[in-house]
Amino acid sequence: MSEKALPAGACDCHTHVFGAPGGPCRYAADRSYTPGEATVAQLVAAHDRLGIARVVLVQPSPYGTDNSCMAAALAALGARARGVAVIDDATPDAELSALHAVGVCGVRLNLHTAGRADPGEALAALEQAARRVAPLGWHVQTYTDLGVIAALHDALMALPVPLVVDHFGRALGAGGVTQPGFEALLSLVRAGRAYVKLSAAHRLSRAPDFADMAPIARALIVAGPEHVVWASDWPHSGVTPGLAPEAVHPFNPVDDGAAPARLRGWAGDEATLHRILVENPARLYAFAG
């Protein structure tokens, strides 16, 4: 694999920051796990090692709809960062405006983690979110399964704001490119109606170096090279089975240093790599320059 540097302006499109409890970082009472600390300084250091210049912070589920911790991190990171918030019906318009001012440009619906697999319920949530954020020029990001995507294909084609699909649309490495629902995701990408994040392969693969995700990544890139972005999912948080929600759940052990060479292999050439890491994120997240 190549050891060449990443292109200037490379962006990691899905990360989380977890601060010390208290201050702007307050856990939701109904959270499913409690993370350890993952600070802005640690994130910047990890990106400096990889040669990543830009970052998108995504509101993590332990904070619920309190976006204060992410907003503080965005303020600290400045122009190199954008954010994706989590809101609900009680979130006032004034808060959306304040989040917009610090770099938030989208909202996330974490349907999979919340166990919301009913297509009708998912569509209602997506359409409601789209109505809320359309005046701000934001996008809607969702973490859901291929079955939901397939069931909502036609409605997603007509969504009035850009759609971003997390983590390969949860296409499983073992299922390959013929698994049910994957063609619906490819169709959205071909039509330019969805961006897909090549991210969190460790959640979807059981193969060494996530080799079984390569055909899936390549199929998405071929379907729409201008609508694919990449993300590390740093610091690889999640629920550890058997631990109580209030216990500190360790981060998953993922080798971030192997990611650039893996992505370069999926992309196939430097022009496509540049699209995925620089051009597409700049367009989607409105980075200047």
C-alpha atoms as a PDB file:
ATOM      1  CA  MET A   1       0.000   0.000   0.000  1.00  0.00           C
ATOM      2  CA  SER A   2       1.148   3.553  -0.686  1.00  0.00           C
ATOM      3  CA  GLU A   3       2.707   5.627   2.068  1.00  0.00           C
ATOM      4  CA  LYS A   4       1.988   8.877   0.234  1.00  0.00           C
ATOM      5  CA  ALA A   5       0.596  11.792   2.192  1.00  0.00           C
ATOM      6  CA  LEU A   6      -3.084  12.608   2.092  1.00  0.00           C
ATOM      7  CA  PRO A   7      -4.103  15.526  -0.130  1.00  0.00           C
ATOM      8  CA  ALA A   8      -4.098  19.020   1.352  1.00  0.00           C
ATOM      9  CA  GLY A   9      -7.462  19.881   2.848  1.00  0.00           C
ATOM     10  CA  ALA A  10      -8.415  16.273   3.647  1.00  0.00           C
ATOM     11  CA  CYS A  11     -11.499  16.017   5.852  1.00  0.00           C
ATOM     12  CA  ASP A  12     -12.585  13.442   8.434  1.00  0.00           C
ATOM     13  CA  CYS A  13     -16.372  13.628   8.173  1.00  0.00           C
ATOM     14  CA  HIS A  14     -17.494  11.807  11.332  1.00  0.00           C
ATOM     15  CA  THR A  15     -15.874  12.186  14.747  1.00  0.00           C
ATOM     16  CA  HIS A  16     -16.996  12.747  18.321  1.00  0.00           C
ATOM     17  CA  VAL A  17     -15.609  14.752  21.220  1.00  0.00           C
ATOM     18  CA  PHE A  18     -16.294  13.705  24.800  1.00  0.00           C
ATOM     19  CA  GLY A  19     -15.357  16.118  27.562  1.00  0.00           C
ATOM     20  CA  ALA A  20     -15.146  15.741  31.298  1.00  0.00           C
ATOM     21  CA  PRO A  21     -18.635  15.579  32.879  1.00  0.00           C
ATOM     22  CA  GLY A  22     -19.861  18.984  33.960  1.00  0.00           C
ATOM     23  CA  GLY A  23     -19.353  22.310  32.286  1.00  0.00           C
ATOM     24  CA  PRO A  24     -20.781  22.124  28.760  1.00  0.00           C
ATOM     25  CA  CYS A  25     -20.617  18.302  28.711  1.00  0.00           C
ATOM     26  CA  ARG A  26     -23.700  16.867  30.391  1.00  0.00           C
ATOM     27  CA  TYR A  27     -24.801  13.286  29.824  1.00  0.00           C
ATOM     28  CA  ALA A  28     -28.418  12.447  29.038  1.00  0.00           C
ATOM     29  CA  ALA A  29     -30.133  10.506  31.783  1.00  0.00           C
ATOM     30  CA  ASP A  30     -31.409   7.888  29.321  1.00  0.00           C
ATOM     31  CA  ARG A  31     -28.054   7.290  27.576  1.00  0.00           C
ATOM     32  CA  SER A  32     -27.129   3.742  26.567  1.00  0.00           C
ATOM     33  CA  TYR A  33     -23.444   4.120  27.476  1.00  0.00           C
ATOM     34  CA  THR A  34     -20.981   6.488  29.125  1.00  0.00           C
ATOM     35  CA  PRO A  35     -17.794   7.222  27.142  1.00  0.00           C
ATOM     36  CA  GLY A  36     -14.339   8.057  28.380  1.00  0.00           C
ATOM     37  CA  GLU A  37     -12.802  11.406  27.587  1.00  0.00           C
ATOM     38  CA  ALA A  38     -11.838  12.218  24.010  1.00  0.00           C
ATOM     39  CA  THR A  39     -10.782  15.835  23.924  1.00  0.00           C
ATOM     40  CA  VAL A  40     -10.319  18.406  21.188  1.00  0.00           C
ATOM     41  CA  ALA A  41      -6.572  18.300  21.769  1.00  0.00           C
ATOM     42  CA  GLN A  42      -6.507  14.515  21.349  1.00  0.00           C
ATOM     43  CA  LEU A  43      -8.572  14.764  18.160  1.00  0.00           C
ATOM     44  CA  VAL A  44      -6.266  17.399  16.665  1.00  0.00           C
ATOM     45  CA  ALA A  45      -3.208  15.311  17.579  1.00  0.00           C
ATOM     46  CA  ALA A  46      -4.710  12.227  15.908  1.00  0.00           C
ATOM     47  CA  HIS A  47      -5.461  14.210  12.769  1.00  0.00           C
ATOM     48  CA  ASP A  48      -2.044  15.832  12.687  1.00  0.00           C
ATOM     49  CA  ARG A  49      -0.478  12.367  12.659  1.00  0.00           C
ATOM     50  CA  LEU A  50      -2.581  11.410   9.624  1.00  0.00           C
ATOM     51  CA  GLY A  51      -2.346  14.714   7.778  1.00  0.00           C
ATOM     52  CA  ILE A  52      -6.030  15.604   8.104  1.00  0.00           C
ATOM     53  CA  ALA A  53      -6.827  19.322   7.990  1.00  0.00           C
ATOM     54  CA  ARG A  54     -10.615  19.453   8.421  1.00  0.00           C
ATOM     55  CA  VAL A  55     -13.113  17.690  10.639  1.00  0.00           C
ATOM     56  CA  VAL A  56     -16.832  17.193  11.142  1.00  0.00           C
ATOM     57  CA  LEU A  57     -18.031  16.706  14.713  1.00  0.00           C
ATOM     58  CA  VAL A  58     -21.215  14.678  15.104  1.00  0.00           C
ATOM     59  CA  GLN A  59     -23.334  14.964  18.227  1.00  0.00           C
ATOM     60  CA  PRO A  60     -22.947  11.612  20.054  1.00  0.00           C
ATOM     61  CA  SER A  61     -25.910   9.829  21.619  1.00  0.00           C
ATOM     62  CA  PRO A  62     -24.745  10.045  25.296  1.00  0.00           C
ATOM     63  CA  TYR A  63     -25.459  13.796  25.212  1.00  0.00           C
ATOM     64  CA  GLY A  64     -28.943  13.445  23.742  1.00  0.00           C
ATOM     65  CA  THR A  65     -30.160  16.768  22.350  1.00  0.00           C
ATOM     66  CA  ASP A  66     -27.831  18.885  24.505  1.00  0.00           C
ATOM     67  CA  ASN A  67     -25.342  20.010  21.868  1.00  0.00           C
ATOM     68  CA  SER A  68     -23.369  22.250  24.246  1.00  0.00           C
ATOM     69  CA  CYS A  69     -20.263  20.053  24.386  1.00  0.00           C
ATOM     70  CA  MET A  70     -20.046  19.815  20.607  1.00  0.00           C
ATOM     71  CA  ALA A  71     -20.669  23.560  20.228  1.00  0.00           C
ATOM     72  CA  ALA A  72     -17.816  24.333  22.626  1.00  0.00           C
ATOM     73  CA  ALA A  73     -15.522  22.016  20.652  1.00  0.00           C
ATOM     74  CA  LEU A  74     -16.525  23.695  17.373  1.00  0.00           C
ATOM     75  CA  ALA A  75     -15.739  27.100  18.830  1.00  0.00           C
ATOM     76  CA  ALA A  76     -12.307  25.837  19.879  1.00  0.00           C
ATOM     77  CA  LEU A  77     -11.568  24.290  16.482  1.00  0.00           C
ATOM     78  CA  GLY A  78     -12.702  27.285  14.449  1.00  0.00           C
ATOM     79  CA  ALA A  79     -12.775  27.307  10.647  1.00  0.00           C
ATOM     80  CA  ARG A  80     -11.327  23.795  10.295  1.00  0.00           C
ATOM     81  CA  ALA A  81     -14.497  22.236  11.776  1.00  0.00           C
ATOM     82  CA  ARG A  82     -18.181  21.767  11.043  1.00  0.00           C
ATOM     83  CA  GLY A  83     -20.859  20.102  13.152  1.00  0.00           C
ATOM     84  CA  VAL A  84     -23.939  17.885  12.925  1.00  0.00           C
ATOM     85  CA  ALA A  85     -26.414  18.333  15.775  1.00  0.00           C
ATOM     86  CA  VAL A  86     -29.202  16.258  17.306  1.00  0.00           C
ATOM     87  CA  ILE A  87     -32.450  18.117  17.949  1.00  0.00           C
ATOM     88  CA  ASP A  88     -36.061  17.390  18.859  1.00  0.00           C
ATOM     89  CA  ASP A  89     -39.393  19.192  18.813  1.00  0.00           C
ATOM     90  CA  ALA A  90     -38.424  21.187  21.907  1.00  0.00           C
ATOM     91  CA  THR A  91     -35.273  22.632  20.328  1.00  0.00           C
ATOM     92  CA  PRO A  92     -36.027  26.337  19.758  1.00  0.00           C
ATOM     93  CA  ASP A  93     -35.210  28.132  16.531  1.00  0.00           C
ATOM     94  CA  ALA A  94     -32.877  30.422  18.480  1.00  0.00           C
ATOM     95  CA  GLU A  95     -30.739  27.417  19.399  1.00  0.00           C
ATOM     96  CA  LEU A  96     -30.562  26.336  15.768  1.00  0.00           C
ATOM     97  CA  SER A  97     -29.359  29.820  14.847  1.00  0.00           C
ATOM     98  CA  ALA A  98     -26.720  29.706  17.583  1.00  0.00           C
ATOM     99  CA  LEU A  99     -25.513  26.305  16.399  1.00  0.00           C
ATOM    100  CA  HIS A 100     -25.384  27.562  12.820  1.00  0.00           C
ATOM    101  CA  ALA A 101     -23.150  30.407  13.955  1.00  0.00           C
ATOM    102  CA  VAL A 102     -20.511  28.014  15.341  1.00  0.00           C
ATOM    103  CA  GLY A 103     -20.442  25.796  12.256  1.00  0.00           C
ATOM    104  CA  VAL A 104     -23.301  23.305  12.522  1.00  0.00           C
ATOM    105  CA  CYS A 105     -24.678  22.493   9.071  1.00  0.00           C
ATOM    106  CA  GLY A 106     -26.807  19.390   9.602  1.00  0.00           C
ATOM    107  CA  VAL A 107     -28.868  17.283  11.982  1.00  0.00           C
ATOM    108  CA  ARG A 108     -28.564  13.584  12.675  1.00  0.00           C
ATOM    109  CA  LEU A 109     -31.299  10.993  13.158  1.00  0.00           C
ATOM    110  CA  ASN A 110     -29.767   7.961  14.844  1.00  0.00           C
ATOM    111  CA  LEU A 111     -32.533   5.546  13.929  1.00  0.00           C
ATOM    112  CA  HIS A 112     -30.492   2.347  14.244  1.00  0.00           C
ATOM    113  CA  THR A 113     -29.187   2.903  17.766  1.00  0.00           C
ATOM    114  CA  ALA A 114     -32.639   3.997  18.905  1.00  0.00           C
ATOM    115  CA  GLY A 115     -34.154   0.822  17.447  1.00  0.00           C
ATOM    116  CA  ARG A 116     -36.452   2.775  15.114  1.00  0.00           C
ATOM    117  CA  ALA A 117     -36.714   0.345  12.202  1.00  0.00           C
ATOM    118  CA  ASP A 118     -40.310   1.029  11.163  1.00  0.00           C
ATOM    119  CA  PRO A 119     -40.126   2.745   7.744  1.00  0.00           C
ATOM    120  CA  GLY A 120     -43.203   4.889   8.368  1.00  0.00           C
ATOM    121  CA  GLU A 121     -41.840   6.187  11.653  1.00  0.00           C
ATOM    122  CA  ALA A 122     -38.428   6.765  10.081  1.00  0.00           C
ATOM    123  CA  LEU A 123     -39.907   8.713   7.161  1.00  0.00           C
ATOM    124  CA  ALA A 124     -41.965  10.929   9.459  1.00  0.00           C
ATOM    125  CA  ALA A 125     -38.852  11.760  11.481  1.00  0.00           C
ATOM    126  CA  LEU A 126     -36.768  12.460   8.363  1.00  0.00           C
ATOM    127  CA  GLU A 127     -39.403  14.699   6.799  1.00  0.00           C
ATOM    128  CA  GLN A 128     -39.946  16.607  10.022  1.00  0.00           C
ATOM    129  CA  ALA A 129     -36.207  17.164  10.415  1.00  0.00           C
ATOM    130  CA  ALA A 130     -35.941  18.304   6.789  1.00  0.00           C
ATOM    131  CA  ARG A 131     -38.680  20.873   7.300  1.00  0.00           C
ATOM    132  CA  ARG A 132     -36.925  22.238  10.377  1.00  0.00           C
ATOM    133  CA  VAL A 133     -33.490  22.655   8.837  1.00  0.00           C
ATOM    134  CA  ALA A 134     -34.252  23.534   5.220  1.00  0.00           C
ATOM    135  CA  PRO A 135     -34.422  27.302   5.937  1.00  0.00           C
ATOM    136  CA  LEU A 136     -30.859  27.114   7.307  1.00  0.00           C
ATOM    137  CA  GLY A 137     -29.506  25.254   4.284  1.00  0.00           C
ATOM    138  CA  TRP A 138     -28.614  22.238   6.438  1.00  0.00           C
ATOM    139  CA  HIS A 139     -28.650  18.555   5.508  1.00  0.00           C
ATOM    140  CA  VAL A 140     -30.197  15.566   7.282  1.00  0.00           C
ATOM    141  CA  GLN A 141     -27.904  12.720   8.265  1.00  0.00           C
ATOM    142  CA  THR A 142     -29.212   9.314   9.264  1.00  0.00           C
ATOM    143  CA  TYR A 143     -27.832   6.139  10.759  1.00  0.00           C
ATOM    144  CA  THR A 144     -30.172   3.382   9.678  1.00  0.00           C
ATOM    145  CA  ASP A 145     -30.296   0.008   7.982  1.00  0.00           C
ATOM    146  CA  LEU A 146     -30.512  -0.983   4.336  1.00  0.00           C
ATOM    147  CA  GLY A 147     -34.012  -2.334   4.824  1.00  0.00           C
ATOM    148  CA  VAL A 148     -35.275   1.091   5.897  1.00  0.00           C
ATOM    149  CA  ILE A 149     -33.415   2.773   3.034  1.00  0.00           C
ATOM    150  CA  ALA A 150     -34.934   0.371   0.513  1.00  0.00           C
ATOM    151  CA  ALA A 151     -38.447   0.815   1.887  1.00  0.00           C
ATOM    152  CA  LEU A 152     -38.125   4.613   1.730  1.00  0.00           C
ATOM    153  CA  HIS A 153     -36.211   4.820  -1.565  1.00  0.00           C
ATOM    154  CA  ASP A 154     -38.788   6.858  -3.496  1.00  0.00           C
ATOM    155  CA  ALA A 155     -39.462   9.217  -0.590  1.00  0.00           C
ATOM    156  CA  LEU A 156     -35.747   9.760  -0.032  1.00  0.00           C
ATOM    157  CA  MET A 157     -35.376  10.634  -3.704  1.00  0.00           C
ATOM    158  CA  ALA A 158     -37.782  13.510  -3.059  1.00  0.00           C
ATOM    159  CA  LEU A 159     -36.369  14.731   0.273  1.00  0.00           C
ATOM    160  CA  PRO A 160     -36.090  18.548   0.025  1.00  0.00           C
ATOM    161  CA  VAL A 161     -32.638  18.740   1.667  1.00  0.00           C
ATOM    162  CA  PRO A 162     -29.403  16.808   1.091  1.00  0.00           C
ATOM    163  CA  LEU A 163     -29.348  13.361   2.704  1.00  0.00           C
ATOM    164  CA  VAL A 164     -26.226  11.890   4.285  1.00  0.00           C
ATOM    165  CA  VAL A 165     -26.162   8.176   5.120  1.00  0.00           C
ATOM    166  CA  ASP A 166     -23.824   7.070   7.913  1.00  0.00           C
ATOM    167  CA  HIS A 167     -21.507   4.095   7.988  1.00  0.00           C
ATOM    168  CA  PHE A 168     -22.027   2.476   4.551  1.00  0.00           C
ATOM    169  CA  GLY A 169     -25.788   2.439   5.180  1.00  0.00           C
ATOM    170  CA  ARG A 170     -24.968  -0.462   7.511  1.00  0.00           C
ATOM    171  CA  ALA A 171     -24.124  -2.719   4.574  1.00  0.00           C
ATOM    172  CA  LEU A 172     -22.466  -5.749   6.165  1.00  0.00           C
ATOM    173  CA  GLY A 173     -19.139  -6.912   4.800  1.00  0.00           C
ATOM    174  CA  ALA A 174     -20.250 -10.529   4.745  1.00  0.00           C
ATOM    175  CA  GLY A 175     -23.306  -9.643   2.645  1.00  0.00           C
ATOM    176  CA  GLY A 176     -21.383  -8.245  -0.297  1.00  0.00           C
ATOM    177  CA  VAL A 177     -22.834  -6.055  -3.011  1.00  0.00           C
ATOM    178  CA  THR A 178     -25.869  -8.286  -3.597  1.00  0.00           C
ATOM    179  CA  GLN A 179     -27.243  -8.058  -0.051  1.00  0.00           C
ATOM    180  CA  PRO A 180     -30.870  -6.912   0.228  1.00  0.00           C
ATOM    181  CA  GLY A 181     -31.292  -3.141   0.179  1.00  0.00           C
ATOM    182  CA  PHE A 182     -27.831  -2.265  -1.101  1.00  0.00           C
ATOM    183  CA  GLU A 183     -29.040  -1.585  -4.641  1.00  0.00           C
ATOM    184  CA  ALA A 184     -31.484   0.980  -3.242  1.00  0.00           C
ATOM    185  CA  LEU A 185     -28.587   2.812  -1.602  1.00  0.00           C
ATOM    186  CA  LEU A 186     -26.587   2.679  -4.832  1.00  0.00           C
ATOM    187  CA  SER A 187     -29.589   4.106  -6.688  1.00  0.00           C
ATOM    188  CA  LEU A 188     -29.748   7.114  -4.354  1.00  0.00           C
ATOM    189  CA  VAL A 189     -26.035   7.720  -4.816  1.00  0.00           C
ATOM    190  CA  ARG A 190     -26.197   7.366  -8.622  1.00  0.00           C
ATOM    191  CA  ALA A 191     -28.990   9.922  -8.718  1.00  0.00           C
ATOM    192  CA  GLY A 192     -27.032  12.342  -6.535  1.00  0.00           C
ATOM    193  CA  ARG A 193     -29.745  12.187  -3.886  1.00  0.00           C
ATOM    194  CA  ALA A 194     -27.548  10.905  -1.047  1.00  0.00           C
ATOM    195  CA  TYR A 195     -24.026  11.153   0.236  1.00  0.00           C
ATOM    196  CA  VAL A 196     -22.645   8.031   1.921  1.00  0.00           C
ATOM    197  CA  LYS A 197     -19.940   7.970   4.564  1.00  0.00           C
ATOM    198  CA  LEU A 198     -17.277   5.288   4.200  1.00  0.00           C
ATOM    199  CA  SER A 199     -16.947   5.001   7.946  1.00  0.00           C
ATOM    200  CA  ALA A 200     -17.050   2.673  10.937  1.00  0.00           C
ATOM    201  CA  ALA A 201     -16.030  -0.419   8.977  1.00  0.00           C
ATOM    202  CA  HIS A 202     -15.197  -2.056  12.310  1.00  0.00           C
ATOM    203  CA  ARG A 203     -18.925  -2.151  13.067  1.00  0.00           C
ATOM    204  CA  LEU A 204     -19.731  -3.994   9.847  1.00  0.00           C
ATOM    205  CA  SER A 205     -16.811  -6.315   9.080  1.00  0.00           C
ATOM    206  CA  ARG A 206     -15.254  -9.361  10.672  1.00  0.00           C
ATOM    207  CA  ALA A 207     -12.468  -9.701   8.094  1.00  0.00           C
ATOM    208  CA  PRO A 208      -8.807  -8.746   8.622  1.00  0.00           C
ATOM    209  CA  ASP A 209      -8.238  -5.103   7.627  1.00  0.00           C
ATOM    210  CA  PHE A 210     -11.961  -5.005   6.785  1.00  0.00           C
ATOM    211  CA  ALA A 211     -11.209  -6.611   3.417  1.00  0.00           C
ATOM    212  CA  ASP A 212     -14.843  -7.607   2.885  1.00  0.00           C
ATOM    213  CA  MET A 213     -15.848  -3.927   2.895  1.00  0.00           C
ATOM    214  CA  ALA A 214     -13.708  -3.190  -0.180  1.00  0.00           C
ATOM    215  CA  PRO A 215     -16.281  -4.348  -2.792  1.00  0.00           C
ATOM    216  CA  ILE A 216     -18.983  -2.355  -1.003  1.00  0.00           C
ATOM    217  CA  ALA A 217     -16.847   0.788  -0.850  1.00  0.00           C
ATOM    218  CA  ARG A 218     -15.847   0.470  -4.499  1.00  0.00           C
ATOM    219  CA  ALA A 219     -19.443  -0.048  -5.619  1.00  0.00           C
ATOM    220  CA  LEU A 220     -20.495   3.143  -3.826  1.00  0.00           C
ATOM    221  CA  ILE A 221     -17.575   5.086  -5.311  1.00  0.00           C
ATOM    222  CA  VAL A 222     -18.359   3.876  -8.840  1.00  0.00           C
ATOM    223  CA  ALA A 223     -22.045   4.710  -8.361  1.00  0.00           C
ATOM    224  CA  GLY A 224     -21.332   8.307  -7.371  1.00  0.00           C
ATOM    225  CA  PRO A 225     -17.753   9.460  -6.859  1.00  0.00           C
ATOM    226  CA  GLU A 226     -19.039  12.967  -6.108  1.00  0.00           C
ATOM    227  CA  HIS A 227     -21.336  11.711  -3.341  1.00  0.00           C
ATOM    228  CA  VAL A 228     -19.008   9.653  -1.170  1.00  0.00           C
ATOM    229  CA  VAL A 229     -17.051  10.962   1.813  1.00  0.00           C
ATOM    230  CA  TRP A 230     -14.776   9.282   4.345  1.00  0.00           C
ATOM    231  CA  ALA A 231     -14.681   9.294   8.125  1.00  0.00           C
ATOM    232  CA  SER A 232     -12.696   7.663  10.898  1.00  0.00           C
ATOM    233  CA  ASP A 233     -15.526   7.497  13.474  1.00  0.00           C
ATOM    234  CA  TRP A 234     -12.874   8.569  16.036  1.00  0.00           C
ATOM    235  CA  PRO A 235     -12.650   7.756  18.952  1.00  0.00           C
ATOM    236  CA  HIS A 236     -14.658   4.608  18.113  1.00  0.00           C
ATOM    237  CA  SER A 237     -17.171   4.781  20.922  1.00  0.00           C
ATOM    238  CA  GLY A 238     -20.084   2.459  21.538  1.00  0.00           C
ATOM    239  CA  VAL A 239     -21.896   0.179  23.916  1.00  0.00           C
ATOM    240  CA  THR A 240     -19.919  -2.603  25.575  1.00  0.00           C
ATOM    241  CA  PRO A 241     -22.303  -5.526  26.230  1.00  0.00           C
ATOM    242  CA  GLY A 242     -22.700  -6.296  29.909  1.00  0.00           C
ATOM    243  CA  LEU A 243     -21.717  -2.851  31.185  1.00  0.00           C
ATOM    244  CA  ALA A 244     -24.286  -0.632  32.857  1.00  0.00           C
ATOM    245  CA  PRO A 245     -25.031   2.622  31.010  1.00  0.00           C
ATOM    246  CA  GLU A 246     -23.447   4.703  33.761  1.00  0.00           C
ATOM    247  CA  ALA A 247     -20.186   2.700  33.660  1.00  0.00           C
ATOM    248  CA  VAL A 248     -17.411   3.982  31.422  1.00  0.00           C
ATOM    249  CA  HIS A 249     -17.468   1.977  28.188  1.00  0.00           C
ATOM    250  CA  PRO A 250     -14.008   1.660  26.592  1.00  0.00           C
ATOM    251  CA  PHE A 251     -13.430   2.827  23.039  1.00  0.00           C
ATOM    252  CA  ASN A 252     -13.095   0.133  20.377  1.00  0.00           C
ATOM    253  CA  PRO A 253      -9.477  -0.653  19.444  1.00  0.00           C
ATOM    254  CA  VAL A 254      -9.198   0.543  15.834  1.00  0.00           C
ATOM    255  CA  ASP A 255      -5.921   1.237  14.040  1.00  0.00           C
ATOM    256  CA  ASP A 256      -6.500   4.702  12.601  1.00  0.00           C
ATOM    257  CA  GLY A 257      -3.042   4.679  11.052  1.00  0.00           C
ATOM    258  CA  ALA A 258      -4.118   1.964   8.593  1.00  0.00           C
ATOM    259  CA  ALA A 259      -7.080   3.949   7.286  1.00  0.00           C
ATOM    260  CA  PRO A 260      -5.365   6.178   4.678  1.00  0.00           C
ATOM    261  CA  ALA A 261      -3.806   3.280   2.764  1.00  0.00           C
ATOM    262  CA  ARG A 262      -7.076   1.337   2.930  1.00  0.00           C
ATOM    263  CA  LEU A 263      -9.050   4.289   1.553  1.00  0.00           C
ATOM    264  CA  ARG A 264      -6.477   4.866  -1.188  1.00  0.00           C
ATOM    265  CA  GLY A 265      -6.947   1.252  -2.246  1.00  0.00           C
ATOM    266  CA  TRP A 266     -10.724   1.643  -2.315  1.00  0.00           C
ATOM    267  CA  ALA A 267     -10.500   4.878  -4.315  1.00  0.00           C
ATOM    268  CA  GLY A 268      -8.183   3.386  -6.921  1.00  0.00           C
ATOM    269  CA  ASP A 269      -6.538   6.611  -8.069  1.00  0.00           C
ATOM    270  CA  GLU A 270      -5.407   9.949  -6.657  1.00  0.00           C
ATOM    271  CA  ALA A 271      -8.085  12.014  -8.403  1.00  0.00           C
ATOM    272  CA  THR A 272     -10.865   9.949  -6.829  1.00  0.00           C
ATOM    273  CA  LEU A 273      -9.128  10.048  -3.451  1.00  0.00           C
ATOM    274  CA  HIS A 274      -9.019  13.844  -3.708  1.00  0.00           C
ATOM    275  CA  ARG A 275     -12.732  13.938  -4.474  1.00  0.00           C
ATOM    276  CA  ILE A 276     -13.595  11.797  -1.460  1.00  0.00           C
ATOM    277  CA  LEU A 277     -11.321  13.555   1.023  1.00  0.00           C
ATOM    278  CA  VAL A 278     -11.361  17.169  -0.182  1.00  0.00           C
ATOM    279  CA  GLU A 279     -13.839  18.160  -2.884  1.00  0.00           C
ATOM    280  CA  ASN A 280     -16.946  16.328  -1.691  1.00  0.00           C
ATOM    281  CA  PRO A 281     -16.634  17.385   1.978  1.00  0.00           C
ATOM    282  CA  ALA A 282     -15.915  20.982   0.962  1.00  0.00           C
ATOM    283  CA  ARG A 283     -19.170  21.030  -1.011  1.00  0.00           C
ATOM    284  CA  LEU A 284     -21.306  19.186   1.532  1.00  0.00           C
ATOM    285  CA  TYR A 285     -20.055  21.005   4.616  1.00  0.00           C
ATOM    286  CA  ALA A 286     -19.394  24.412   3.012  1.00  0.00           C
ATOM    287  CA  PHE A 287     -15.696  24.639   3.783  1.00  0.00           C
ATOM    288  CA  ALA A 288     -14.083  27.699   2.227  1.00  0.00           C
ATOM    289  CA  GLY A 289     -11.298  27.314  -0.328  1.00  0.00           C
END
